[in-house]
Amino acid sequence: MELAKTNRMNSLFDFYHGLLTAKQQEYLELYYGDDYSLGEIAEEFGVSRQAVYDNIRRSAAALEEYERQLHMLADFEAQNAAVDALGAYVRSHYADDQELQQLLARVENRVAEE
């Protein structure tokens, strides 16, 4: 499985898992989160590998569609990039301003918690 796709699916799952059914959540969590194979998931649920594959494929498509419409992951990534850019600028241009450095640290900590 491709690492970039796994990372993307895990990120989308973090934002949109509540919009999926319980079975979709379980399959995606096992497949992308716990690195189970299709066969292992099929055995766990007593279904065919094809059924698992179809469910995961449809669930992944649903996550991509939610992102296409809601942009929650893209907005989150843009906010993180903006904070990173701001941090780099402040550190390089205002290194002596302790109050500004403290404010920046608070913003970065808050973003990291989200």
PDB file of N, CA and C in Angstrom:
ATOM      1  N   MET A   1       0.853  -1.178   0.000  1.00  0.00           N
ATOM      2  CA  MET A   1       0.000   0.000   0.000  1.00  0.00           C
ATOM      3  C   MET A   1       0.898   1.240   0.000  1.00  0.00           C
ATOM      4  N   GLU A   2       0.525   2.213  -0.772  1.00  0.00           N
ATOM      5  CA  GLU A   2       1.307   3.436  -0.912  1.00  0.00           C
ATOM      6  C   GLU A   2       1.199   4.301   0.344  1.00  0.00           C
ATOM      7  N   LEU A   3       2.354   4.725   0.851  1.00  0.00           N
ATOM      8  CA  LEU A   3       2.406   5.486   2.098  1.00  0.00           C
ATOM      9  C   LEU A   3       1.650   6.809   1.997  1.00  0.00           C
ATOM     10  N   ALA A   4       1.797   7.528   0.906  1.00  0.00           N
ATOM     11  CA  ALA A   4       1.112   8.812   0.745  1.00  0.00           C
ATOM     12  C   ALA A   4      -0.396   8.631   0.797  1.00  0.00           C
ATOM     13  N   LYS A   5      -0.902   7.583   0.150  1.00  0.00           N
ATOM     14  CA  LYS A   5      -2.348   7.332   0.160  1.00  0.00           C
ATOM     15  C   LYS A   5      -2.805   6.959   1.570  1.00  0.00           C
ATOM     16  N   THR A   6      -2.020   6.140   2.249  1.00  0.00           N
ATOM     17  CA  THR A   6      -2.362   5.759   3.623  1.00  0.00           C
ATOM     18  C   THR A   6      -2.423   6.987   4.513  1.00  0.00           C
ATOM     19  N   ASN A   7      -1.432   7.857   4.403  1.00  0.00           N
ATOM     20  CA  ASN A   7      -1.428   9.078   5.213  1.00  0.00           C
ATOM     21  C   ASN A   7      -2.627   9.954   4.906  1.00  0.00           C
ATOM     22  N   ARG A   8      -2.951  10.087   3.620  1.00  0.00           N
ATOM     23  CA  ARG A   8      -4.106  10.907   3.239  1.00  0.00           C
ATOM     24  C   ARG A   8      -5.395  10.312   3.793  1.00  0.00           C
ATOM     25  N   MET A   9      -5.565   9.014   3.648  1.00  0.00           N
ATOM     26  CA  MET A   9      -6.783   8.365   4.150  1.00  0.00           C
ATOM     27  C   MET A   9      -6.898   8.518   5.660  1.00  0.00           C
ATOM     28  N   ASN A  10      -5.783   8.364   6.368  1.00  0.00           N
ATOM     29  CA  ASN A  10      -5.814   8.540   7.823  1.00  0.00           C
ATOM     30  C   ASN A  10      -6.178   9.974   8.199  1.00  0.00           C
ATOM     31  N   SER A  11      -5.656  10.941   7.451  1.00  0.00           N
ATOM     32  CA  SER A  11      -6.000  12.339   7.722  1.00  0.00           C
ATOM     33  C   SER A  11      -7.475  12.617   7.429  1.00  0.00           C
ATOM     34  N   LEU A  12      -7.952  12.138   6.294  1.00  0.00           N
ATOM     35  CA  LEU A  12      -9.370  12.312   5.963  1.00  0.00           C
ATOM     36  C   LEU A  12     -10.242  11.614   6.998  1.00  0.00           C
ATOM     37  N   PHE A  13      -9.835  10.434   7.418  1.00  0.00           N
ATOM     38  CA  PHE A  13     -10.587   9.686   8.430  1.00  0.00           C
ATOM     39  C   PHE A  13     -10.677  10.478   9.729  1.00  0.00           C
ATOM     40  N   ASP A  14      -9.584  11.141  10.113  1.00  0.00           N
ATOM     41  CA  ASP A  14      -9.593  11.953  11.339  1.00  0.00           C
ATOM     42  C   ASP A  14     -10.683  13.023  11.292  1.00  0.00           C
ATOM     43  N   PHE A  15     -10.872  13.626  10.130  1.00  0.00           N
ATOM     44  CA  PHE A  15     -11.855  14.699  10.000  1.00  0.00           C
ATOM     45  C   PHE A  15     -13.277  14.193   9.792  1.00  0.00           C
ATOM     46  N   TYR A  16     -13.451  13.138   9.034  1.00  0.00           N
ATOM     47  CA  TYR A  16     -14.785  12.765   8.562  1.00  0.00           C
ATOM     48  C   TYR A  16     -15.286  11.416   9.057  1.00  0.00           C
ATOM     49  N   HIS A  17     -14.597  10.762   9.978  1.00  0.00           N
ATOM     50  CA  HIS A  17     -15.027   9.419  10.376  1.00  0.00           C
ATOM     51  C   HIS A  17     -16.453   9.385  10.915  1.00  0.00           C
ATOM     52  N   GLY A  18     -16.874  10.453  11.526  1.00  0.00           N
ATOM     53  CA  GLY A  18     -18.232  10.498  12.074  1.00  0.00           C
ATOM     54  C   GLY A  18     -19.326  10.464  11.020  1.00  0.00           C
ATOM     55  N   LEU A  19     -18.964  10.703   9.768  1.00  0.00           N
ATOM     56  CA  LEU A  19     -19.944  10.678   8.684  1.00  0.00           C
ATOM     57  C   LEU A  19     -20.065   9.291   8.053  1.00  0.00           C
ATOM     58  N   LEU A  20     -19.239   8.363   8.491  1.00  0.00           N
ATOM     59  CA  LEU A  20     -19.255   7.004   7.957  1.00  0.00           C
ATOM     60  C   LEU A  20     -20.059   6.079   8.867  1.00  0.00           C
ATOM     61  N   THR A  21     -20.481   4.945   8.314  1.00  0.00           N
ATOM     62  CA  THR A  21     -21.164   3.943   9.137  1.00  0.00           C
ATOM     63  C   THR A  21     -20.143   3.277  10.055  1.00  0.00           C
ATOM     64  N   ALA A  22     -20.631   2.570  11.052  1.00  0.00           N
ATOM     65  CA  ALA A  22     -19.744   1.873  11.986  1.00  0.00           C
ATOM     66  C   ALA A  22     -18.883   0.854  11.249  1.00  0.00           C
ATOM     67  N   LYS A  23     -19.463   0.127  10.297  1.00  0.00           N
ATOM     68  CA  LYS A  23     -18.695  -0.875   9.546  1.00  0.00           C
ATOM     69  C   LYS A  23     -17.621  -0.205   8.697  1.00  0.00           C
ATOM     70  N   GLN A  24     -17.967   0.902   8.041  1.00  0.00           N
ATOM     71  CA  GLN A  24     -16.974   1.623   7.254  1.00  0.00           C
ATOM     72  C   GLN A  24     -15.827   2.090   8.143  1.00  0.00           C
ATOM     73  N   GLN A  25     -16.154   2.598   9.302  1.00  0.00           N
ATOM     74  CA  GLN A  25     -15.131   3.058  10.241  1.00  0.00           C
ATOM     75  C   GLN A  25     -14.211   1.915  10.651  1.00  0.00           C
ATOM     76  N   GLU A  26     -14.808   0.767  10.976  1.00  0.00           N
ATOM     77  CA  GLU A  26     -14.003  -0.376  11.398  1.00  0.00           C
ATOM     78  C   GLU A  26     -13.074  -0.854  10.290  1.00  0.00           C
ATOM     79  N   TYR A  27     -13.616  -1.017   9.088  1.00  0.00           N
ATOM     80  CA  TYR A  27     -12.802  -1.489   7.965  1.00  0.00           C
ATOM     81  C   TYR A  27     -11.652  -0.529   7.679  1.00  0.00           C
ATOM     82  N   LEU A  28     -11.940   0.770   7.605  1.00  0.00           N
ATOM     83  CA  LEU A  28     -10.889   1.748   7.305  1.00  0.00           C
ATOM     84  C   LEU A  28      -9.848   1.811   8.415  1.00  0.00           C
ATOM     85  N   GLU A  29     -10.299   1.738   9.644  1.00  0.00           N
ATOM     86  CA  GLU A  29      -9.360   1.787  10.758  1.00  0.00           C
ATOM     87  C   GLU A  29      -8.425   0.574  10.735  1.00  0.00           C
ATOM     88  N   LEU A  30      -8.986  -0.600  10.469  1.00  0.00           N
ATOM     89  CA  LEU A  30      -8.154  -1.796  10.396  1.00  0.00           C
ATOM     90  C   LEU A  30      -7.210  -1.748   9.195  1.00  0.00           C
ATOM     91  N   TYR A  31      -7.717  -1.334   8.042  1.00  0.00           N
ATOM     92  CA  TYR A  31      -6.931  -1.362   6.816  1.00  0.00           C
ATOM     93  C   TYR A  31      -5.859  -0.274   6.789  1.00  0.00           C
ATOM     94  N   TYR A  32      -6.261   0.958   7.024  1.00  0.00           N
ATOM     95  CA  TYR A  32      -5.307   2.072   6.945  1.00  0.00           C
ATOM     96  C   TYR A  32      -4.604   2.352   8.274  1.00  0.00           C
ATOM     97  N   GLY A  33      -5.316   2.191   9.362  1.00  0.00           N
ATOM     98  CA  GLY A  33      -4.728   2.513  10.659  1.00  0.00           C
ATOM     99  C   GLY A  33      -3.879   1.402  11.244  1.00  0.00           C
ATOM    100  N   ASP A  34      -4.385   0.159  11.157  1.00  0.00           N
ATOM    101  CA  ASP A  34      -3.695  -0.972  11.781  1.00  0.00           C
ATOM    102  C   ASP A  34      -2.974  -1.865  10.780  1.00  0.00           C
ATOM    103  N   ASP A  35      -3.040  -1.518   9.496  1.00  0.00           N
ATOM    104  CA  ASP A  35      -2.325  -2.228   8.427  1.00  0.00           C
ATOM    105  C   ASP A  35      -2.745  -3.692   8.292  1.00  0.00           C
ATOM    106  N   TYR A  36      -4.025  -3.960   8.512  1.00  0.00           N
ATOM    107  CA  TYR A  36      -4.548  -5.305   8.269  1.00  0.00           C
ATOM    108  C   TYR A  36      -4.664  -5.517   6.765  1.00  0.00           C
ATOM    109  N   SER A  37      -4.536  -6.748   6.345  1.00  0.00           N
ATOM    110  CA  SER A  37      -4.754  -7.078   4.933  1.00  0.00           C
ATOM    111  C   SER A  37      -6.244  -7.263   4.689  1.00  0.00           C
ATOM    112  N   LEU A  38      -6.626  -7.285   3.413  1.00  0.00           N
ATOM    113  CA  LEU A  38      -8.029  -7.541   3.079  1.00  0.00           C
ATOM    114  C   LEU A  38      -8.463  -8.899   3.621  1.00  0.00           C
ATOM    115  N   GLY A  39      -7.596  -9.889   3.491  1.00  0.00           N
ATOM    116  CA  GLY A  39      -7.913 -11.234   3.981  1.00  0.00           C
ATOM    117  C   GLY A  39      -8.114 -11.270   5.485  1.00  0.00           C
ATOM    118  N   GLU A  40      -7.288 -10.547   6.221  1.00  0.00           N
ATOM    119  CA  GLU A  40      -7.424 -10.511   7.683  1.00  0.00           C
ATOM    120  C   GLU A  40      -8.737  -9.860   8.095  1.00  0.00           C
ATOM    121  N   ILE A  41      -9.102  -8.793   7.425  1.00  0.00           N
ATOM    122  CA  ILE A  41     -10.365  -8.120   7.737  1.00  0.00           C
ATOM    123  C   ILE A  41     -11.537  -9.022   7.364  1.00  0.00           C
ATOM    124  N   ALA A  42     -11.452  -9.671   6.204  1.00  0.00           N
ATOM    125  CA  ALA A  42     -12.514 -10.578   5.769  1.00  0.00           C
ATOM    126  C   ALA A  42     -12.722 -11.694   6.788  1.00  0.00           C
ATOM    127  N   GLU A  43     -11.638 -12.253   7.257  1.00  0.00           N
ATOM    128  CA  GLU A  43     -11.724 -13.326   8.257  1.00  0.00           C
ATOM    129  C   GLU A  43     -12.345 -12.819   9.551  1.00  0.00           C
ATOM    130  N   GLU A  44     -11.931 -11.642   9.960  1.00  0.00           N
ATOM    131  CA  GLU A  44     -12.436 -11.037  11.206  1.00  0.00           C
ATOM    132  C   GLU A  44     -13.955 -10.846  11.160  1.00  0.00           C
ATOM    133  N   PHE A  45     -14.478 -10.459  10.000  1.00  0.00           N
ATOM    134  CA  PHE A  45     -15.904 -10.147   9.875  1.00  0.00           C
ATOM    135  C   PHE A  45     -16.712 -11.256   9.208  1.00  0.00           C
ATOM    136  N   GLY A  46     -16.046 -12.314   8.776  1.00  0.00           N
ATOM    137  CA  GLY A  46     -16.758 -13.424   8.154  1.00  0.00           C
ATOM    138  C   GLY A  46     -17.371 -13.072   6.810  1.00  0.00           C
ATOM    139  N   VAL A  47     -16.649 -12.273   6.019  1.00  0.00           N
ATOM    140  CA  VAL A  47     -17.113 -11.885   4.687  1.00  0.00           C
ATOM    141  C   VAL A  47     -16.002 -12.169   3.686  1.00  0.00           C
ATOM    142  N   SER A  48     -16.276 -11.975   2.412  1.00  0.00           N
ATOM    143  CA  SER A  48     -15.260 -12.211   1.388  1.00  0.00           C
ATOM    144  C   SER A  48     -14.276 -11.042   1.311  1.00  0.00           C
ATOM    145  N   ARG A  49     -13.103 -11.338   0.755  1.00  0.00           N
ATOM    146  CA  ARG A  49     -12.111 -10.286   0.531  1.00  0.00           C
ATOM    147  C   ARG A  49     -12.681  -9.232  -0.413  1.00  0.00           C
ATOM    148  N   GLN A  50     -13.454  -9.670  -1.401  1.00  0.00           N
ATOM    149  CA  GLN A  50     -14.051  -8.737  -2.360  1.00  0.00           C
ATOM    150  C   GLN A  50     -15.010  -7.782  -1.663  1.00  0.00           C
ATOM    151  N   ALA A  51     -15.780  -8.293  -0.708  1.00  0.00           N
ATOM    152  CA  ALA A  51     -16.708  -7.438   0.043  1.00  0.00           C
ATOM    153  C   ALA A  51     -15.941  -6.380   0.829  1.00  0.00           C
ATOM    154  N   VAL A  52     -14.841  -6.784   1.434  1.00  0.00           N
ATOM    155  CA  VAL A  52     -14.009  -5.836   2.191  1.00  0.00           C
ATOM    156  C   VAL A  52     -13.425  -4.795   1.242  1.00  0.00           C
ATOM    157  N   TYR A  53     -12.876  -5.261   0.124  1.00  0.00           N
ATOM    158  CA  TYR A  53     -12.287  -4.360  -0.858  1.00  0.00           C
ATOM    159  C   TYR A  53     -13.315  -3.338  -1.349  1.00  0.00           C
ATOM    160  N   ASP A  54     -14.504  -3.810  -1.703  1.00  0.00           N
ATOM    161  CA  ASP A  54     -15.554  -2.916  -2.192  1.00  0.00           C
ATOM    162  C   ASP A  54     -15.938  -1.889  -1.130  1.00  0.00           C
ATOM    163  N   ASN A  55     -16.065  -2.334   0.115  1.00  0.00           N
ATOM    164  CA  ASN A  55     -16.435  -1.426   1.199  1.00  0.00           C
ATOM    165  C   ASN A  55     -15.351  -0.377   1.406  1.00  0.00           C
ATOM    166  N   ILE A  56     -14.097  -0.793   1.415  1.00  0.00           N
ATOM    167  CA  ILE A  56     -12.998   0.158   1.617  1.00  0.00           C
ATOM    168  C   ILE A  56     -12.921   1.141   0.455  1.00  0.00           C
ATOM    169  N   ARG A  57     -13.073   0.655  -0.751  1.00  0.00           N
ATOM    170  CA  ARG A  57     -13.022   1.528  -1.933  1.00  0.00           C
ATOM    171  C   ARG A  57     -14.143   2.566  -1.889  1.00  0.00           C
ATOM    172  N   ARG A  58     -15.357   2.136  -1.572  1.00  0.00           N
ATOM    173  CA  ARG A  58     -16.490   3.072  -1.481  1.00  0.00           C
ATOM    174  C   ARG A  58     -16.307   4.054  -0.322  1.00  0.00           C
ATOM    175  N   SER A  59     -15.800   3.565   0.775  1.00  0.00           N
ATOM    176  CA  SER A  59     -15.581   4.422   1.947  1.00  0.00           C
ATOM    177  C   SER A  59     -14.512   5.475   1.664  1.00  0.00           C
ATOM    178  N   ALA A  60     -13.437   5.065   1.003  1.00  0.00           N
ATOM    179  CA  ALA A  60     -12.376   6.013   0.643  1.00  0.00           C
ATOM    180  C   ALA A  60     -12.915   7.065  -0.323  1.00  0.00           C
ATOM    181  N   ALA A  61     -13.742   6.643  -1.270  1.00  0.00           N
ATOM    182  CA  ALA A  61     -14.348   7.591  -2.215  1.00  0.00           C
ATOM    183  C   ALA A  61     -15.260   8.562  -1.473  1.00  0.00           C
ATOM    184  N   ALA A  62     -15.979   8.067  -0.469  1.00  0.00           N
ATOM    185  CA  ALA A  62     -16.853   8.939   0.322  1.00  0.00           C
ATOM    186  C   ALA A  62     -16.028   9.980   1.073  1.00  0.00           C
ATOM    187  N   LEU A  63     -14.900   9.560   1.662  1.00  0.00           N
ATOM    188  CA  LEU A  63     -14.032  10.512   2.360  1.00  0.00           C
ATOM    189  C   LEU A  63     -13.516  11.583   1.413  1.00  0.00           C
ATOM    190  N   GLU A  64     -13.113  11.173   0.222  1.00  0.00           N
ATOM    191  CA  GLU A  64     -12.627  12.146  -0.770  1.00  0.00           C
ATOM    192  C   GLU A  64     -13.747  13.105  -1.186  1.00  0.00           C
ATOM    193  N   GLU A  65     -14.951  12.605  -1.301  1.00  0.00           N
ATOM    194  CA  GLU A  65     -16.085  13.468  -1.671  1.00  0.00           C
ATOM    195  C   GLU A  65     -16.413  14.453  -0.544  1.00  0.00           C
ATOM    196  N   TYR A  66     -16.370  13.997   0.701  1.00  0.00           N
ATOM    197  CA  TYR A  66     -16.587  14.915   1.825  1.00  0.00           C
ATOM    198  C   TYR A  66     -15.543  16.035   1.799  1.00  0.00           C
ATOM    199  N   GLU A  67     -14.294  15.670   1.530  1.00  0.00           N
ATOM    200  CA  GLU A  67     -13.238  16.674   1.471  1.00  0.00           C
ATOM    201  C   GLU A  67     -13.445  17.630   0.303  1.00  0.00           C
ATOM    202  N   ARG A  68     -13.875  17.091  -0.833  1.00  0.00           N
ATOM    203  CA  ARG A  68     -14.120  17.935  -2.004  1.00  0.00           C
ATOM    204  C   ARG A  68     -15.183  18.993  -1.696  1.00  0.00           C
ATOM    205  N   GLN A  69     -16.174  18.617  -0.907  1.00  0.00           N
ATOM    206  CA  GLN A  69     -17.260  19.544  -0.605  1.00  0.00           C
ATOM    207  C   GLN A  69     -16.974  20.439   0.601  1.00  0.00           C
ATOM    208  N   LEU A  70     -16.290  19.914   1.602  1.00  0.00           N
ATOM    209  CA  LEU A  70     -16.134  20.647   2.862  1.00  0.00           C
ATOM    210  C   LEU A  70     -14.751  21.268   3.075  1.00  0.00           C
ATOM    211  N   HIS A  71     -13.737  20.735   2.466  1.00  0.00           N
ATOM    212  CA  HIS A  71     -12.364  21.284   2.512  1.00  0.00           C
ATOM    213  C   HIS A  71     -11.762  21.366   3.917  1.00  0.00           C
ATOM    214  N   MET A  72     -12.199  20.535   4.829  1.00  0.00           N
ATOM    215  CA  MET A  72     -11.685  20.631   6.198  1.00  0.00           C
ATOM    216  C   MET A  72     -10.203  20.292   6.293  1.00  0.00           C
ATOM    217  N   LEU A  73      -9.761  19.256   5.623  1.00  0.00           N
ATOM    218  CA  LEU A  73      -8.344  18.888   5.653  1.00  0.00           C
ATOM    219  C   LEU A  73      -7.509  19.953   4.955  1.00  0.00           C
ATOM    220  N   ALA A  74      -7.943  20.406   3.801  1.00  0.00           N
ATOM    221  CA  ALA A  74      -7.194  21.433   3.064  1.00  0.00           C
ATOM    222  C   ALA A  74      -7.088  22.717   3.886  1.00  0.00           C
ATOM    223  N   ASP A  75      -8.169  23.112   4.532  1.00  0.00           N
ATOM    224  CA  ASP A  75      -8.133  24.317   5.364  1.00  0.00           C
ATOM    225  C   ASP A  75      -7.182  24.142   6.545  1.00  0.00           C
ATOM    226  N   PHE A  76      -7.220  22.978   7.160  1.00  0.00           N
ATOM    227  CA  PHE A  76      -6.327  22.681   8.284  1.00  0.00           C
ATOM    228  C   PHE A  76      -4.870  22.752   7.842  1.00  0.00           C
ATOM    229  N   GLU A  77      -4.567  22.144   6.708  1.00  0.00           N
ATOM    230  CA  GLU A  77      -3.197  22.165   6.197  1.00  0.00           C
ATOM    231  C   GLU A  77      -2.758  23.583   5.834  1.00  0.00           C
ATOM    232  N   ALA A  78      -3.661  24.380   5.275  1.00  0.00           N
ATOM    233  CA  ALA A  78      -3.338  25.769   4.928  1.00  0.00           C
ATOM    234  C   ALA A  78      -3.073  26.593   6.192  1.00  0.00           C
ATOM    235  N   GLN A  79      -3.860  26.377   7.224  1.00  0.00           N
ATOM    236  CA  GLN A  79      -3.646  27.092   8.480  1.00  0.00           C
ATOM    237  C   GLN A  79      -2.295  26.722   9.094  1.00  0.00           C
ATOM    238  N   ASN A  80      -1.970  25.444   9.063  1.00  0.00           N
ATOM    239  CA  ASN A  80      -0.669  25.018   9.601  1.00  0.00           C
ATOM    240  C   ASN A  80       0.482  25.616   8.807  1.00  0.00           C
ATOM    241  N   ALA A  81       0.346  25.658   7.488  1.00  0.00           N
ATOM    242  CA  ALA A  81       1.393  26.249   6.647  1.00  0.00           C
ATOM    243  C   ALA A  81       1.546  27.735   6.939  1.00  0.00           C
ATOM    244  N   ALA A  82       0.436  28.432   7.156  1.00  0.00           N
ATOM    245  CA  ALA A  82       0.492  29.867   7.460  1.00  0.00           C
ATOM    246  C   ALA A  82       1.169  30.112   8.805  1.00  0.00           C
ATOM    247  N   VAL A  83       0.851  29.299   9.794  1.00  0.00           N
ATOM    248  CA  VAL A  83       1.489  29.443  11.105  1.00  0.00           C
ATOM    249  C   VAL A  83       2.979  29.145  10.999  1.00  0.00           C
ATOM    250  N   ASP A  84       3.334  28.129  10.239  1.00  0.00           N
ATOM    251  CA  ASP A  84       4.760  27.812  10.048  1.00  0.00           C
ATOM    252  C   ASP A  84       5.488  28.970   9.377  1.00  0.00           C
ATOM    253  N   ALA A  85       4.880  29.554   8.352  1.00  0.00           N
ATOM    254  CA  ALA A  85       5.508  30.676   7.648  1.00  0.00           C
ATOM    255  C   ALA A  85       5.633  31.885   8.563  1.00  0.00           C
ATOM    256  N   LEU A  86       4.590  32.158   9.304  1.00  0.00           N
ATOM    257  CA  LEU A  86       4.630  33.270  10.258  1.00  0.00           C
ATOM    258  C   LEU A  86       5.717  33.041  11.299  1.00  0.00           C
ATOM    259  N   GLY A  87       5.804  31.822  11.794  1.00  0.00           N
ATOM    260  CA  GLY A  87       6.826  31.496  12.793  1.00  0.00           C
ATOM    261  C   GLY A  87       8.224  31.712  12.263  1.00  0.00           C
ATOM    262  N   ALA A  88       8.461  31.262  11.046  1.00  0.00           N
ATOM    263  CA  ALA A  88       9.787  31.436  10.446  1.00  0.00           C
ATOM    264  C   ALA A  88      10.116  32.916  10.283  1.00  0.00           C
ATOM    265  N   TYR A  89       9.136  33.700   9.858  1.00  0.00           N
ATOM    266  CA  TYR A  89       9.356  35.134   9.662  1.00  0.00           C
ATOM    267  C   TYR A  89       9.649  35.827  10.995  1.00  0.00           C
ATOM    268  N   VAL A  90       8.843  35.530  11.991  1.00  0.00           N
ATOM    269  CA  VAL A  90       9.021  36.168  13.301  1.00  0.00           C
ATOM    270  C   VAL A  90      10.377  35.797  13.892  1.00  0.00           C
ATOM    271  N   ARG A  91      10.731  34.521  13.788  1.00  0.00           N
ATOM    272  CA  ARG A  91      12.014  34.089  14.356  1.00  0.00           C
ATOM    273  C   ARG A  91      13.202  34.778  13.667  1.00  0.00           C
ATOM    274  N   SER A  92      13.097  34.986  12.367  1.00  0.00           N
ATOM    275  CA  SER A  92      14.232  35.566  11.647  1.00  0.00           C
ATOM    276  C   SER A  92      14.277  37.088  11.734  1.00  0.00           C
ATOM    277  N   HIS A  93      13.118  37.746  11.868  1.00  0.00           N
ATOM    278  CA  HIS A  93      13.098  39.211  11.851  1.00  0.00           C
ATOM    279  C   HIS A  93      12.891  39.858  13.222  1.00  0.00           C
ATOM    280  N   TYR A  94      12.380  39.098  14.175  1.00  0.00           N
ATOM    281  CA  TYR A  94      12.074  39.666  15.486  1.00  0.00           C
ATOM    282  C   TYR A  94      12.603  38.775  16.605  1.00  0.00           C
ATOM    283  N   ALA A  95      13.794  38.278  16.430  1.00  0.00           N
ATOM    284  CA  ALA A  95      14.376  37.341  17.399  1.00  0.00           C
ATOM    285  C   ALA A  95      14.530  37.957  18.791  1.00  0.00           C
ATOM    286  N   ASP A  96      14.680  39.274  18.872  1.00  0.00           N
ATOM    287  CA  ASP A  96      14.891  39.931  20.161  1.00  0.00           C
ATOM    288  C   ASP A  96      13.597  40.308  20.867  1.00  0.00           C
ATOM    289  N   ASP A  97      12.472  40.195  20.222  1.00  0.00           N
ATOM    290  CA  ASP A  97      11.183  40.579  20.809  1.00  0.00           C
ATOM    291  C   ASP A  97      10.594  39.382  21.561  1.00  0.00           C
ATOM    292  N   GLN A  98      10.851  39.337  22.855  1.00  0.00           N
ATOM    293  CA  GLN A  98      10.429  38.194  23.672  1.00  0.00           C
ATOM    294  C   GLN A  98       8.907  38.070  23.760  1.00  0.00           C
ATOM    295  N   GLU A  99       8.215  39.182  23.813  1.00  0.00           N
ATOM    296  CA  GLU A  99       6.749  39.131  23.886  1.00  0.00           C
ATOM    297  C   GLU A  99       6.175  38.512  22.608  1.00  0.00           C
ATOM    298  N   LEU A 100       6.686  38.905  21.489  1.00  0.00           N
ATOM    299  CA  LEU A 100       6.234  38.343  20.212  1.00  0.00           C
ATOM    300  C   LEU A 100       6.594  36.861  20.119  1.00  0.00           C
ATOM    301  N   GLN A 101       7.766  36.491  20.595  1.00  0.00           N
ATOM    302  CA  GLN A 101       8.181  35.085  20.590  1.00  0.00           C
ATOM    303  C   GLN A 101       7.252  34.240  21.469  1.00  0.00           C
ATOM    304  N   GLN A 102       6.835  34.778  22.603  1.00  0.00           N
ATOM    305  CA  GLN A 102       5.919  34.059  23.496  1.00  0.00           C
ATOM    306  C   GLN A 102       4.541  33.912  22.858  1.00  0.00           C
ATOM    307  N   LEU A 103       4.068  34.971  22.219  1.00  0.00           N
ATOM    308  CA  LEU A 103       2.779  34.885  21.526  1.00  0.00           C
ATOM    309  C   LEU A 103       2.825  33.842  20.406  1.00  0.00           C
ATOM    310  N   LEU A 104       3.905  33.823  19.680  1.00  0.00           N
ATOM    311  CA  LEU A 104       4.076  32.845  18.607  1.00  0.00           C
ATOM    312  C   LEU A 104       4.069  31.428  19.178  1.00  0.00           C
ATOM    313  N   ALA A 105       4.748  31.215  20.265  1.00  0.00           N
ATOM    314  CA  ALA A 105       4.784  29.887  20.894  1.00  0.00           C
ATOM    315  C   ALA A 105       3.383  29.458  21.312  1.00  0.00           C
ATOM    316  N   ARG A 106       2.587  30.384  21.834  1.00  0.00           N
ATOM    317  CA  ARG A 106       1.206  30.050  22.216  1.00  0.00           C
ATOM    318  C   ARG A 106       0.381  29.656  21.001  1.00  0.00           C
ATOM    319  N   VAL A 107       0.531  30.384  19.910  1.00  0.00           N
ATOM    320  CA  VAL A 107      -0.211  30.061  18.679  1.00  0.00           C
ATOM    321  C   VAL A 107       0.217  28.698  18.164  1.00  0.00           C
ATOM    322  N   GLU A 108       1.518  28.449  18.117  1.00  0.00           N
ATOM    323  CA  GLU A 108       2.007  27.168  17.613  1.00  0.00           C
ATOM    324  C   GLU A 108       1.545  26.011  18.491  1.00  0.00           C
ATOM    325  N   ASN A 109       1.537  26.188  19.793  1.00  0.00           N
ATOM    326  CA  ASN A 109       1.055  25.138  20.691  1.00  0.00           C
ATOM    327  C   ASN A 109      -0.432  24.864  20.483  1.00  0.00           C
ATOM    328  N   ARG A 110      -1.173  25.910  20.276  1.00  0.00           N
ATOM    329  CA  ARG A 110      -2.621  25.757  20.066  1.00  0.00           C
ATOM    330  C   ARG A 110      -2.905  25.003  18.763  1.00  0.00           C
ATOM    331  N   VAL A 111      -2.184  25.352  17.711  1.00  0.00           N
ATOM    332  CA  VAL A 111      -2.350  24.665  16.436  1.00  0.00           C
ATOM    333  C   VAL A 111      -1.945  23.204  16.564  1.00  0.00           C
ATOM    334  N   ALA A 112      -0.864  22.926  17.300  1.00  0.00           N
ATOM    335  CA  ALA A 112      -0.395  21.552  17.477  1.00  0.00           C
ATOM    336  C   ALA A 112      -1.419  20.701  18.229  1.00  0.00           C
ATOM    337  N   GLU A 113      -2.180  21.316  19.131  1.00  0.00           N
ATOM    338  CA  GLU A 113      -3.192  20.586  19.899  1.00  0.00           C
ATOM    339  C   GLU A 113      -4.381  20.187  19.051  1.00  0.00           C
ATOM    340  N   GLU A 114      -4.638  20.931  17.991  1.00  0.00           N
ATOM    341  CA  GLU A 114      -5.794  20.634  17.130  1.00  0.00           C
ATOM    342  C   GLU A 114      -5.444  19.464  16.302  1.00  0.00           C
TER     343      GLU A 114
END
